[in-house]
């Protein structure tokens, strides 16, 4: 004769359920852009001095896959901040959370740089 409480039954059921539910989770590797790759892309795409262009336009024209575009945008944003810090590009944003615009900075003449 078997003797079991409701707790024993529920515990045995929960253990059995957990054993059946365990599954192997595989996360697909994502393509992540390094900041160096993003910097090289920006340097190639910006080119000569021109009009203000939104940062996402540079990325959209180069990266077709939306999942890759998010990583590319993050890396390119970091690279654009680095290029702005070095004085190679200008950044502009009209409002909080608005698009970020960039353009290459015109080369300064030696006499302008000293004043």
PDB file of N, CA and C in Angstrom:
ATOM      1  N   UNK A   1       0.839  -1.165   0.000  1.00  0.00           N
ATOM      2  CA  UNK A   1       0.000   0.000   0.000  1.00  0.00           C
ATOM      3  C   UNK A   1       0.899   1.248   0.000  1.00  0.00           C
ATOM      4  N   UNK A   2       0.527   2.252  -0.846  1.00  0.00           N
ATOM      5  CA  UNK A   2       1.277   3.506  -0.968  1.00  0.00           C
ATOM      6  C   UNK A   2       0.612   4.585  -0.129  1.00  0.00           C
ATOM      7  N   UNK A   3       1.454   5.366   0.526  1.00  0.00           N
ATOM      8  CA  UNK A   3       0.955   6.487   1.303  1.00  0.00           C
ATOM      9  C   UNK A   3       1.679   7.732   0.794  1.00  0.00           C
ATOM     10  N   UNK A   4       0.905   8.744   0.357  1.00  0.00           N
ATOM     11  CA  UNK A   4       1.489   9.984  -0.145  1.00  0.00           C
ATOM     12  C   UNK A   4       0.567  11.142   0.181  1.00  0.00           C
ATOM     13  N   UNK A   5       1.191  12.275   0.466  1.00  0.00           N
ATOM     14  CA  UNK A   5       0.408  13.478   0.722  1.00  0.00           C
ATOM     15  C   UNK A   5       0.246  14.236  -0.587  1.00  0.00           C
ATOM     16  N   UNK A   6      -0.586  15.237  -0.564  1.00  0.00           N
ATOM     17  CA  UNK A   6      -0.765  16.071  -1.757  1.00  0.00           C
ATOM     18  C   UNK A   6       0.551  16.762  -2.120  1.00  0.00           C
ATOM     19  N   UNK A   7       1.345  17.134  -1.109  1.00  0.00           N
ATOM     20  CA  UNK A   7       2.652  17.750  -1.358  1.00  0.00           C
ATOM     21  C   UNK A   7       3.563  16.773  -2.101  1.00  0.00           C
ATOM     22  N   UNK A   8       3.590  15.506  -1.679  1.00  0.00           N
ATOM     23  CA  UNK A   8       4.415  14.495  -2.348  1.00  0.00           C
ATOM     24  C   UNK A   8       4.011  14.348  -3.808  1.00  0.00           C
ATOM     25  N   UNK A   9       2.716  14.324  -4.074  1.00  0.00           N
ATOM     26  CA  UNK A   9       2.230  14.175  -5.443  1.00  0.00           C
ATOM     27  C   UNK A   9       2.610  15.378  -6.314  1.00  0.00           C
ATOM     28  N   UNK A  10       2.381  16.569  -5.780  1.00  0.00           N
ATOM     29  CA  UNK A  10       2.716  17.782  -6.535  1.00  0.00           C
ATOM     30  C   UNK A  10       4.226  17.906  -6.749  1.00  0.00           C
ATOM     31  N   UNK A  11       5.004  17.552  -5.761  1.00  0.00           N
ATOM     32  CA  UNK A  11       6.455  17.611  -5.885  1.00  0.00           C
ATOM     33  C   UNK A  11       6.944  16.645  -6.959  1.00  0.00           C
ATOM     34  N   UNK A  12       6.420  15.418  -6.960  1.00  0.00           N
ATOM     35  CA  UNK A  12       6.805  14.440  -7.975  1.00  0.00           C
ATOM     36  C   UNK A  12       6.381  14.912  -9.362  1.00  0.00           C
ATOM     37  N   UNK A  13       5.194  15.488  -9.466  1.00  0.00           N
ATOM     38  CA  UNK A  13       4.714  16.013 -10.749  1.00  0.00           C
ATOM     39  C   UNK A  13       5.617  17.150 -11.235  1.00  0.00           C
ATOM     40  N   UNK A  14       5.982  18.070 -10.332  1.00  0.00           N
ATOM     41  CA  UNK A  14       6.832  19.210 -10.706  1.00  0.00           C
ATOM     42  C   UNK A  14       8.209  18.741 -11.156  1.00  0.00           C
ATOM     43  N   UNK A  15       8.775  17.756 -10.478  1.00  0.00           N
ATOM     44  CA  UNK A  15      10.080  17.227 -10.876  1.00  0.00           C
ATOM     45  C   UNK A  15      10.017  16.595 -12.258  1.00  0.00           C
ATOM     46  N   UNK A  16       8.962  15.859 -12.502  1.00  0.00           N
ATOM     47  CA  UNK A  16       8.797  15.203 -13.807  1.00  0.00           C
ATOM     48  C   UNK A  16       8.611  16.242 -14.912  1.00  0.00           C
ATOM     49  N   UNK A  17       7.821  17.278 -14.630  1.00  0.00           N
ATOM     50  CA  UNK A  17       7.576  18.360 -15.606  1.00  0.00           C
ATOM     51  C   UNK A  17       8.872  19.081 -15.958  1.00  0.00           C
ATOM     52  N   UNK A  18       9.655  19.387 -14.923  1.00  0.00           N
ATOM     53  CA  UNK A  18      10.909  20.090 -15.160  1.00  0.00           C
ATOM     54  C   UNK A  18      11.862  19.254 -16.004  1.00  0.00           C
ATOM     55  N   UNK A  19      11.899  17.972 -15.777  1.00  0.00           N
ATOM     56  CA  UNK A  19      12.770  17.101 -16.561  1.00  0.00           C
ATOM     57  C   UNK A  19      12.346  17.089 -18.026  1.00  0.00           C
ATOM     58  N   UNK A  20      11.049  17.171 -18.285  1.00  0.00           N
ATOM     59  CA  UNK A  20      10.552  17.145 -19.655  1.00  0.00           C
ATOM     60  C   UNK A  20      10.686  18.501 -20.349  1.00  0.00           C
ATOM     61  N   UNK A  21      10.610  19.579 -19.579  1.00  0.00           N
ATOM     62  CA  UNK A  21      10.606  20.924 -20.147  1.00  0.00           C
ATOM     63  C   UNK A  21      12.008  21.409 -20.490  1.00  0.00           C
ATOM     64  N   UNK A  22      13.004  20.926 -19.794  1.00  0.00           N
ATOM     65  CA  UNK A  22      14.370  21.391 -20.053  1.00  0.00           C
ATOM     66  C   UNK A  22      14.702  21.244 -21.525  1.00  0.00           C
ATOM     67  N   UNK A  23      15.152  22.329 -22.057  1.00  0.00           N
ATOM     68  CA  UNK A  23      15.503  22.335 -23.475  1.00  0.00           C
ATOM     69  C   UNK A  23      16.833  23.049 -23.640  1.00  0.00           C
ATOM     70  N   UNK A  24      17.470  22.732 -24.693  1.00  0.00           N
ATOM     71  CA  UNK A  24      18.735  23.389 -24.986  1.00  0.00           C
ATOM     72  C   UNK A  24      18.442  24.651 -25.784  1.00  0.00           C
ATOM     73  N   UNK A  25      18.902  25.769 -25.259  1.00  0.00           N
ATOM     74  CA  UNK A  25      18.693  27.055 -25.915  1.00  0.00           C
ATOM     75  C   UNK A  25      19.957  27.411 -26.684  1.00  0.00           C
ATOM     76  N   UNK A  26      19.778  27.697 -27.953  1.00  0.00           N
ATOM     77  CA  UNK A  26      20.906  28.087 -28.799  1.00  0.00           C
ATOM     78  C   UNK A  26      20.652  29.509 -29.289  1.00  0.00           C
ATOM     79  N   UNK A  27      21.565  30.380 -28.953  1.00  0.00           N
ATOM     80  CA  UNK A  27      21.462  31.770 -29.395  1.00  0.00           C
ATOM     81  C   UNK A  27      22.329  31.918 -30.636  1.00  0.00           C
ATOM     82  N   UNK A  28      21.691  32.345 -31.702  1.00  0.00           N
ATOM     83  CA  UNK A  28      22.420  32.514 -32.959  1.00  0.00           C
ATOM     84  C   UNK A  28      23.415  33.658 -32.823  1.00  0.00           C
ATOM     85  N   UNK A  29      24.633  33.462 -33.287  1.00  0.00           N
ATOM     86  CA  UNK A  29      25.614  34.554 -33.210  1.00  0.00           C
ATOM     87  C   UNK A  29      25.190  35.722 -34.097  1.00  0.00           C
ATOM     88  N   UNK A  30      25.424  36.929 -33.581  1.00  0.00           N
ATOM     89  CA  UNK A  30      25.078  38.134 -34.333  1.00  0.00           C
ATOM     90  C   UNK A  30      26.333  38.771 -34.881  1.00  0.00           C
ATOM     91  N   UNK A  31      26.169  39.384 -36.017  1.00  0.00           N
ATOM     92  CA  UNK A  31      27.275  40.140 -36.604  1.00  0.00           C
ATOM     93  C   UNK A  31      27.383  41.446 -35.841  1.00  0.00           C
ATOM     94  N   UNK A  32      28.512  41.650 -35.213  1.00  0.00           N
ATOM     95  CA  UNK A  32      28.748  42.875 -34.446  1.00  0.00           C
ATOM     96  C   UNK A  32      29.861  43.640 -35.136  1.00  0.00           C
ATOM     97  N   UNK A  33      29.635  44.912 -35.334  1.00  0.00           N
ATOM     98  CA  UNK A  33      30.635  45.768 -35.958  1.00  0.00           C
ATOM     99  C   UNK A  33      31.555  46.313 -34.889  1.00  0.00           C
ATOM    100  N   UNK A  34      32.819  46.296 -35.184  1.00  0.00           N
ATOM    101  CA  UNK A  34      33.760  46.940 -34.276  1.00  0.00           C
ATOM    102  C   UNK A  34      33.728  48.442 -34.546  1.00  0.00           C
ATOM    103  N   UNK A  35      34.217  49.185 -33.592  1.00  0.00           N
ATOM    104  CA  UNK A  35      34.265  50.633 -33.780  1.00  0.00           C
ATOM    105  C   UNK A  35      35.230  50.987 -34.913  1.00  0.00           C
ATOM    106  N   UNK A  36      36.263  50.183 -35.080  1.00  0.00           N
ATOM    107  CA  UNK A  36      37.227  50.423 -36.159  1.00  0.00           C
ATOM    108  C   UNK A  36      36.549  50.258 -37.521  1.00  0.00           C
ATOM    109  N   UNK A  37      35.731  49.206 -37.676  1.00  0.00           N
ATOM    110  CA  UNK A  37      35.004  49.006 -38.931  1.00  0.00           C
ATOM    111  C   UNK A  37      34.064  50.174 -39.205  1.00  0.00           C
ATOM    112  N   UNK A  38      33.358  50.612 -38.165  1.00  0.00           N
ATOM    113  CA  UNK A  38      32.434  51.729 -38.327  1.00  0.00           C
ATOM    114  C   UNK A  38      33.166  53.012 -38.677  1.00  0.00           C
ATOM    115  N   UNK A  39      34.302  53.213 -38.059  1.00  0.00           N
ATOM    116  CA  UNK A  39      35.098  54.421 -38.338  1.00  0.00           C
ATOM    117  C   UNK A  39      35.574  54.423 -39.786  1.00  0.00           C
ATOM    118  N   UNK A  40      36.065  53.283 -40.257  1.00  0.00           N
ATOM    119  CA  UNK A  40      36.520  53.192 -41.638  1.00  0.00           C
ATOM    120  C   UNK A  40      35.369  53.440 -42.609  1.00  0.00           C
ATOM    121  N   UNK A  41      34.192  52.919 -42.286  1.00  0.00           N
ATOM    122  CA  UNK A  41      33.006  53.154 -43.121  1.00  0.00           C
ATOM    123  C   UNK A  41      32.680  54.640 -43.174  1.00  0.00           C
ATOM    124  N   UNK A  42      32.645  55.292 -42.026  1.00  0.00           N
ATOM    125  CA  UNK A  42      32.342  56.727 -41.997  1.00  0.00           C
ATOM    126  C   UNK A  42      33.368  57.532 -42.782  1.00  0.00           C
ATOM    127  N   UNK A  43      34.627  57.221 -42.602  1.00  0.00           N
ATOM    128  CA  UNK A  43      35.670  57.964 -43.293  1.00  0.00           C
ATOM    129  C   UNK A  43      35.540  57.819 -44.805  1.00  0.00           C
ATOM    130  N   UNK A  44      35.151  56.628 -45.269  1.00  0.00           N
ATOM    131  CA  UNK A  44      34.958  56.420 -46.709  1.00  0.00           C
ATOM    132  C   UNK A  44      33.702  57.120 -47.212  1.00  0.00           C
ATOM    133  N   UNK A  45      32.635  57.099 -46.433  1.00  0.00           N
ATOM    134  CA  UNK A  45      31.352  57.602 -46.918  1.00  0.00           C
ATOM    135  C   UNK A  45      31.209  59.115 -46.821  1.00  0.00           C
ATOM    136  N   UNK A  46      31.825  59.722 -45.830  1.00  0.00           N
ATOM    137  CA  UNK A  46      31.650  61.163 -45.655  1.00  0.00           C
ATOM    138  C   UNK A  46      32.317  61.931 -46.783  1.00  0.00           C
ATOM    139  N   UNK A  47      33.539  61.582 -47.109  1.00  0.00           N
ATOM    140  CA  UNK A  47      34.218  62.218 -48.234  1.00  0.00           C
ATOM    141  C   UNK A  47      34.419  63.708 -48.053  1.00  0.00           C
ATOM    142  N   UNK A  48      34.287  64.469 -49.145  1.00  0.00           N
ATOM    143  CA  UNK A  48      34.534  65.906 -49.086  1.00  0.00           C
ATOM    144  C   UNK A  48      33.428  66.641 -48.322  1.00  0.00           C
ATOM    145  N   UNK A  49      33.709  67.891 -48.016  1.00  0.00           N
ATOM    146  CA  UNK A  49      32.750  68.714 -47.279  1.00  0.00           C
ATOM    147  C   UNK A  49      31.442  68.799 -48.063  1.00  0.00           C
ATOM    148  N   UNK A  50      30.352  68.578 -47.378  1.00  0.00           N
ATOM    149  CA  UNK A  50      29.052  68.626 -48.044  1.00  0.00           C
ATOM    150  C   UNK A  50      27.964  69.050 -47.087  1.00  0.00           C
ATOM    151  N   UNK A  51      26.743  68.755 -47.450  1.00  0.00           N
ATOM    152  CA  UNK A  51      25.593  69.098 -46.619  1.00  0.00           C
ATOM    153  C   UNK A  51      25.487  68.153 -45.436  1.00  0.00           C
ATOM    154  N   UNK A  52      24.655  68.591 -44.480  1.00  0.00           N
ATOM    155  CA  UNK A  52      24.374  67.745 -43.335  1.00  0.00           C
ATOM    156  C   UNK A  52      23.553  66.548 -43.799  1.00  0.00           C
ATOM    157  N   UNK A  53      23.952  65.354 -43.400  1.00  0.00           N
ATOM    158  CA  UNK A  53      23.207  64.140 -43.703  1.00  0.00           C
ATOM    159  C   UNK A  53      22.964  63.369 -42.413  1.00  0.00           C
ATOM    160  N   UNK A  54      21.769  62.770 -42.270  1.00  0.00           N
ATOM    161  CA  UNK A  54      21.500  62.004 -41.044  1.00  0.00           C
ATOM    162  C   UNK A  54      22.369  60.745 -40.972  1.00  0.00           C
ATOM    163  N   UNK A  55      22.825  60.438 -39.780  1.00  0.00           N
ATOM    164  CA  UNK A  55      23.688  59.274 -39.571  1.00  0.00           C
ATOM    165  C   UNK A  55      23.013  58.001 -40.051  1.00  0.00           C
ATOM    166  N   UNK A  56      21.716  57.843 -39.780  1.00  0.00           N
ATOM    167  CA  UNK A  56      21.032  56.612 -40.182  1.00  0.00           C
ATOM    168  C   UNK A  56      20.987  56.454 -41.705  1.00  0.00           C
ATOM    169  N   UNK A  57      21.095  57.543 -42.456  1.00  0.00           N
ATOM    170  CA  UNK A  57      21.105  57.453 -43.920  1.00  0.00           C
ATOM    171  C   UNK A  57      22.399  56.791 -44.403  1.00  0.00           C
ATOM    172  N   UNK A  58      23.505  57.113 -43.733  1.00  0.00           N
ATOM    173  CA  UNK A  58      24.760  56.458 -44.075  1.00  0.00           C
ATOM    174  C   UNK A  58      24.643  54.955 -43.863  1.00  0.00           C
ATOM    175  N   UNK A  59      24.059  54.566 -42.759  1.00  0.00           N
ATOM    176  CA  UNK A  59      23.961  53.146 -42.416  1.00  0.00           C
ATOM    177  C   UNK A  59      22.962  52.434 -43.312  1.00  0.00           C
ATOM    178  N   UNK A  60      21.794  53.030 -43.539  1.00  0.00           N
ATOM    179  CA  UNK A  60      20.755  52.379 -44.339  1.00  0.00           C
ATOM    180  C   UNK A  60      21.229  52.087 -45.753  1.00  0.00           C
ATOM    181  N   UNK A  61      22.057  52.963 -46.288  1.00  0.00           N
ATOM    182  CA  UNK A  61      22.531  52.742 -47.653  1.00  0.00           C
ATOM    183  C   UNK A  61      23.594  51.649 -47.719  1.00  0.00           C
ATOM    184  N   UNK A  62      24.185  51.302 -46.592  1.00  0.00           N
ATOM    185  CA  UNK A  62      25.264  50.318 -46.577  1.00  0.00           C
ATOM    186  C   UNK A  62      24.838  48.958 -46.031  1.00  0.00           C
ATOM    187  N   UNK A  63      23.901  48.931 -45.060  1.00  0.00           N
ATOM    188  CA  UNK A  63      23.509  47.685 -44.396  1.00  0.00           C
ATOM    189  C   UNK A  63      22.041  47.408 -44.670  1.00  0.00           C
ATOM    190  N   UNK A  64      21.752  46.303 -45.309  1.00  0.00           N
ATOM    191  CA  UNK A  64      20.382  45.965 -45.673  1.00  0.00           C
ATOM    192  C   UNK A  64      19.641  45.230 -44.562  1.00  0.00           C
ATOM    193  N   UNK A  65      20.321  44.372 -43.827  1.00  0.00           N
ATOM    194  CA  UNK A  65      19.686  43.557 -42.799  1.00  0.00           C
ATOM    195  C   UNK A  65      19.341  44.400 -41.566  1.00  0.00           C
ATOM    196  N   UNK A  66      18.055  44.462 -41.163  1.00  0.00           N
ATOM    197  CA  UNK A  66      17.670  45.288 -40.006  1.00  0.00           C
ATOM    198  C   UNK A  66      18.356  44.877 -38.702  1.00  0.00           C
ATOM    199  N   UNK A  67      18.604  43.584 -38.499  1.00  0.00           N
ATOM    200  CA  UNK A  67      19.258  43.141 -37.271  1.00  0.00           C
ATOM    201  C   UNK A  67      20.709  43.627 -37.227  1.00  0.00           C
ATOM    202  N   UNK A  68      21.375  43.592 -38.344  1.00  0.00           N
ATOM    203  CA  UNK A  68      22.756  44.074 -38.421  1.00  0.00           C
ATOM    204  C   UNK A  68      22.793  45.591 -38.344  1.00  0.00           C
ATOM    205  N   UNK A  69      21.739  46.241 -38.839  1.00  0.00           N
ATOM    206  CA  UNK A  69      21.701  47.702 -38.859  1.00  0.00           C
ATOM    207  C   UNK A  69      21.755  48.280 -37.448  1.00  0.00           C
ATOM    208  N   UNK A  70      21.131  47.617 -36.477  1.00  0.00           N
ATOM    209  CA  UNK A  70      21.143  48.116 -35.101  1.00  0.00           C
ATOM    210  C   UNK A  70      22.569  48.124 -34.548  1.00  0.00           C
ATOM    211  N   UNK A  71      23.281  47.027 -34.740  1.00  0.00           N
ATOM    212  CA  UNK A  71      24.669  46.958 -34.274  1.00  0.00           C
ATOM    213  C   UNK A  71      25.541  47.955 -35.022  1.00  0.00           C
ATOM    214  N   UNK A  72      25.308  48.071 -36.319  1.00  0.00           N
ATOM    215  CA  UNK A  72      26.093  49.014 -37.124  1.00  0.00           C
ATOM    216  C   UNK A  72      25.842  50.450 -36.689  1.00  0.00           C
ATOM    217  N   UNK A  73      24.592  50.775 -36.378  1.00  0.00           N
ATOM    218  CA  UNK A  73      24.259  52.133 -35.936  1.00  0.00           C
ATOM    219  C   UNK A  73      24.934  52.459 -34.608  1.00  0.00           C
ATOM    220  N   UNK A  74      24.938  51.508 -33.682  1.00  0.00           N
ATOM    221  CA  UNK A  74      25.587  51.739 -32.390  1.00  0.00           C
ATOM    222  C   UNK A  74      27.091  51.960 -32.556  1.00  0.00           C
ATOM    223  N   UNK A  75      27.723  51.120 -33.350  1.00  0.00           N
ATOM    224  CA  UNK A  75      29.169  51.267 -33.571  1.00  0.00           C
ATOM    225  C   UNK A  75      29.486  52.552 -34.317  1.00  0.00           C
ATOM    226  N   UNK A  76      28.663  52.880 -35.309  1.00  0.00           N
ATOM    227  CA  UNK A  76      28.904  54.086 -36.100  1.00  0.00           C
ATOM    228  C   UNK A  76      28.682  55.338 -35.265  1.00  0.00           C
ATOM    229  N   UNK A  77      27.705  55.296 -34.360  1.00  0.00           N
ATOM    230  CA  UNK A  77      27.481  56.425 -33.463  1.00  0.00           C
ATOM    231  C   UNK A  77      28.726  56.662 -32.611  1.00  0.00           C
ATOM    232  N   UNK A  78      29.270  55.595 -32.038  1.00  0.00           N
ATOM    233  CA  UNK A  78      30.495  55.729 -31.233  1.00  0.00           C
ATOM    234  C   UNK A  78      31.647  56.261 -32.065  1.00  0.00           C
ATOM    235  N   UNK A  79      31.786  55.745 -33.277  1.00  0.00           N
ATOM    236  CA  UNK A  79      32.867  56.200 -34.157  1.00  0.00           C
ATOM    237  C   UNK A  79      32.680  57.671 -34.535  1.00  0.00           C
ATOM    238  N   UNK A  80      31.424  58.099 -34.735  1.00  0.00           N
ATOM    239  CA  UNK A  80      31.180  59.500 -35.095  1.00  0.00           C
ATOM    240  C   UNK A  80      31.546  60.430 -33.938  1.00  0.00           C
ATOM    241  N   UNK A  81      31.288  59.999 -32.706  1.00  0.00           N
ATOM    242  CA  UNK A  81      31.691  60.807 -31.549  1.00  0.00           C
ATOM    243  C   UNK A  81      33.215  60.924 -31.482  1.00  0.00           C
ATOM    244  N   UNK A  82      33.892  59.846 -31.779  1.00  0.00           N
ATOM    245  CA  UNK A  82      35.359  59.859 -31.780  1.00  0.00           C
ATOM    246  C   UNK A  82      35.898  60.788 -32.870  1.00  0.00           C
ATOM    247  N   UNK A  83      35.311  60.724 -34.064  1.00  0.00           N
ATOM    248  CA  UNK A  83      35.750  61.593 -35.160  1.00  0.00           C
ATOM    249  C   UNK A  83      35.451  63.060 -34.848  1.00  0.00           C
ATOM    250  N   UNK A  84      34.326  63.327 -34.187  1.00  0.00           N
ATOM    251  CA  UNK A  84      34.004  64.705 -33.799  1.00  0.00           C
ATOM    252  C   UNK A  84      34.996  65.209 -32.753  1.00  0.00           C
ATOM    253  N   UNK A  85      35.364  64.345 -31.818  1.00  0.00           N
ATOM    254  CA  UNK A  85      36.343  64.727 -30.794  1.00  0.00           C
ATOM    255  C   UNK A  85      37.686  65.073 -31.427  1.00  0.00           C
ATOM    256  N   UNK A  86      38.034  64.363 -32.493  1.00  0.00           N
ATOM    257  CA  UNK A  86      39.290  64.634 -33.198  1.00  0.00           C
ATOM    258  C   UNK A  86      39.187  65.830 -34.130  1.00  0.00           C
ATOM    259  N   UNK A  87      37.984  66.386 -34.296  1.00  0.00           N
ATOM    260  CA  UNK A  87      37.807  67.552 -35.153  1.00  0.00           C
ATOM    261  C   UNK A  87      37.694  67.231 -36.632  1.00  0.00           C
ATOM    262  N   UNK A  88      37.390  65.990 -36.976  1.00  0.00           N
ATOM    263  CA  UNK A  88      37.318  65.590 -38.380  1.00  0.00           C
ATOM    264  C   UNK A  88      35.917  65.716 -38.949  1.00  0.00           C
ATOM    265  N   UNK A  89      34.887  65.677 -38.088  1.00  0.00           N
ATOM    266  CA  UNK A  89      33.510  65.856 -38.551  1.00  0.00           C
ATOM    267  C   UNK A  89      32.774  66.779 -37.593  1.00  0.00           C
ATOM    268  N   UNK A  90      31.652  67.323 -38.060  1.00  0.00           N
ATOM    269  CA  UNK A  90      30.743  68.108 -37.232  1.00  0.00           C
ATOM    270  C   UNK A  90      29.490  67.290 -37.006  1.00  0.00           C
ATOM    271  N   UNK A  91      28.935  67.364 -35.800  1.00  0.00           N
ATOM    272  CA  UNK A  91      27.686  66.690 -35.462  1.00  0.00           C
ATOM    273  C   UNK A  91      26.647  67.731 -35.096  1.00  0.00           C
ATOM    274  N   UNK A  92      25.393  67.434 -35.412  1.00  0.00           N
ATOM    275  CA  UNK A  92      24.306  68.364 -35.131  1.00  0.00           C
ATOM    276  C   UNK A  92      23.039  67.562 -34.860  1.00  0.00           C
ATOM    277  N   UNK A  93      22.278  67.981 -33.835  1.00  0.00           N
ATOM    278  CA  UNK A  93      21.004  67.336 -33.525  1.00  0.00           C
ATOM    279  C   UNK A  93      20.016  68.431 -33.150  1.00  0.00           C
ATOM    280  N   UNK A  94      18.850  68.449 -33.823  1.00  0.00           N
ATOM    281  CA  UNK A  94      17.868  69.511 -33.609  1.00  0.00           C
ATOM    282  C   UNK A  94      17.102  69.377 -32.306  1.00  0.00           C
ATOM    283  N   UNK A  95      16.817  68.143 -31.889  1.00  0.00           N
ATOM    284  CA  UNK A  95      16.015  67.936 -30.681  1.00  0.00           C
ATOM    285  C   UNK A  95      16.446  66.651 -29.994  1.00  0.00           C
ATOM    286  N   UNK A  96      16.049  66.529 -28.738  1.00  0.00           N
ATOM    287  CA  UNK A  96      16.348  65.302 -28.002  1.00  0.00           C
ATOM    288  C   UNK A  96      15.689  64.123 -28.709  1.00  0.00           C
ATOM    289  N   UNK A  97      16.431  63.062 -28.871  1.00  0.00           N
ATOM    290  CA  UNK A  97      15.978  61.842 -29.547  1.00  0.00           C
ATOM    291  C   UNK A  97      15.711  62.052 -31.033  1.00  0.00           C
ATOM    292  N   UNK A  98      16.081  63.208 -31.573  1.00  0.00           N
ATOM    293  CA  UNK A  98      15.940  63.468 -32.997  1.00  0.00           C
ATOM    294  C   UNK A  98      17.097  62.851 -33.762  1.00  0.00           C
ATOM    295  N   UNK A  99      17.025  62.892 -35.081  1.00  0.00           N
ATOM    296  CA  UNK A  99      18.116  62.314 -35.874  1.00  0.00           C
ATOM    297  C   UNK A  99      19.417  63.085 -35.659  1.00  0.00           C
ATOM    298  N   UNK A 100      20.510  62.361 -35.744  1.00  0.00           N
ATOM    299  CA  UNK A 100      21.834  62.950 -35.602  1.00  0.00           C
ATOM    300  C   UNK A 100      22.389  63.199 -36.996  1.00  0.00           C
ATOM    301  N   UNK A 101      22.753  64.445 -37.260  1.00  0.00           N
ATOM    302  CA  UNK A 101      23.289  64.820 -38.571  1.00  0.00           C
ATOM    303  C   UNK A 101      24.793  64.978 -38.466  1.00  0.00           C
ATOM    304  N   UNK A 102      25.484  64.651 -39.546  1.00  0.00           N
ATOM    305  CA  UNK A 102      26.921  64.822 -39.563  1.00  0.00           C
ATOM    306  C   UNK A 102      27.389  65.261 -40.939  1.00  0.00           C
ATOM    307  N   UNK A 103      28.555  65.859 -40.945  1.00  0.00           N
ATOM    308  CA  UNK A 103      29.223  66.249 -42.194  1.00  0.00           C
ATOM    309  C   UNK A 103      30.704  66.333 -41.900  1.00  0.00           C
ATOM    310  N   UNK A 104      31.498  66.258 -42.958  1.00  0.00           N
ATOM    311  CA  UNK A 104      32.933  66.378 -42.739  1.00  0.00           C
ATOM    312  C   UNK A 104      33.261  67.832 -42.449  1.00  0.00           C
ATOM    313  N   UNK A 105      34.232  68.032 -41.629  1.00  0.00           N
ATOM    314  CA  UNK A 105      34.629  69.391 -41.243  1.00  0.00           C
ATOM    315  C   UNK A 105      35.598  69.920 -42.281  1.00  0.00           C
ATOM    316  N   UNK A 106      35.389  71.174 -42.710  1.00  0.00           N
ATOM    317  CA  UNK A 106      36.332  71.745 -43.682  1.00  0.00           C
ATOM    318  C   UNK A 106      37.726  71.858 -43.057  1.00  0.00           C
ATOM    319  N   UNK A 107      38.734  71.628 -43.864  1.00  0.00           N
ATOM    320  CA  UNK A 107      40.103  71.759 -43.393  1.00  0.00           C
ATOM    321  C   UNK A 107      40.387  73.212 -43.048  1.00  0.00           C
ATOM    322  N   UNK A 108      41.001  73.439 -41.910  1.00  0.00           N
ATOM    323  CA  UNK A 108      41.330  74.817 -41.511  1.00  0.00           C
ATOM    324  C   UNK A 108      42.712  75.169 -42.049  1.00  0.00           C
ATOM    325  N   UNK A 109      42.857  76.424 -42.398  1.00  0.00           N
ATOM    326  CA  UNK A 109      44.146  76.931 -42.859  1.00  0.00           C
ATOM    327  C   UNK A 109      45.046  77.096 -41.644  1.00  0.00           C
ATOM    328  N   UNK A 110      46.351  76.990 -41.814  1.00  0.00           N
ATOM    329  CA  UNK A 110      47.271  77.093 -40.665  1.00  0.00           C
ATOM    330  C   UNK A 110      47.106  78.399 -39.891  1.00  0.00           C
ATOM    331  N   UNK A 111      46.844  79.535 -40.583  1.00  0.00           N
ATOM    332  CA  UNK A 111      46.693  80.807 -39.865  1.00  0.00           C
ATOM    333  C   UNK A 111      45.398  80.857 -39.070  1.00  0.00           C
ATOM    334  N   UNK A 112      44.331  80.128 -39.516  1.00  0.00           N
ATOM    335  CA  UNK A 112      43.074  80.089 -38.785  1.00  0.00           C
ATOM    336  C   UNK A 112      43.213  79.230 -37.537  1.00  0.00           C
ATOM    337  N   UNK A 113      43.995  78.176 -37.611  1.00  0.00           N
ATOM    338  CA  UNK A 113      44.143  77.262 -36.493  1.00  0.00           C
ATOM    339  C   UNK A 113      44.895  77.912 -35.344  1.00  0.00           C
ATOM    340  N   UNK A 114      45.812  78.845 -35.635  1.00  0.00           N
ATOM    341  CA  UNK A 114      46.607  79.460 -34.592  1.00  0.00           C
ATOM    342  C   UNK A 114      45.868  80.599 -33.887  1.00  0.00           C
ATOM    343  N   UNK A 115      44.806  81.172 -34.505  1.00  0.00           N
ATOM    344  CA  UNK A 115      44.116  82.298 -33.874  1.00  0.00           C
ATOM    345  C   UNK A 115      43.020  81.880 -32.947  1.00  0.00           C
TER     346      UNK A 115
END
